[in-house]
Amino acid sequence: MDIKELLQDDDAVSPVIGVILMVAITVILAAVIASFVLGLGDTTQQAPNAQFSWSQGGDGSAIHSFGDDTNVTVRHTGGDTLDAANINITDGSTTKSASSGDLFNSSEIRAGDTAKISASSGSTIRVIWNAPEGGSSSTLAEYEV
């Protein structure tokens, strides 16, 4: 047997490498398509679509206090019904949870429901939605007093 002949005999190498590469490409392509079809990459929850209106003044019967200067009424005017357990109202330093049922007087916040609060002039009040599974939140509305 001649050593030169063994070194130059590489006929089987190219087809074997070609088959291995084709199998690898097929497996990777199948995994990418399966992740799109099954939605494995899409695990974030979308924030609800809800509209709010704000008004200052009123009869002084504010239920929750963020300050003592101005009475503010926030009204859910339309959009999705919100689970009160996922809603907070904050002025940036103090946060009130709607889950107790007394912020909007209900465990579900529907169009027409209101919350009366008092806040300091110059503060910004926000309605915050927190995802039920945790990890994400979104500001649904904000108002500068």
Foldseek 3Di string as FASTA:
>chain_A
DDPVVVVPPPPPVVVVVVVVVVVVVVVVVVVVVVCVVVVVVPDDDDDWQWDKDKDKDDDPPADAEADADIKMKIFTADGDKAQQQFKWKDQVPDIDGCCVCQQQVHRIHHGGTMGMYHHDAQTKIWIKGADPVGDDIDTNDIDHD
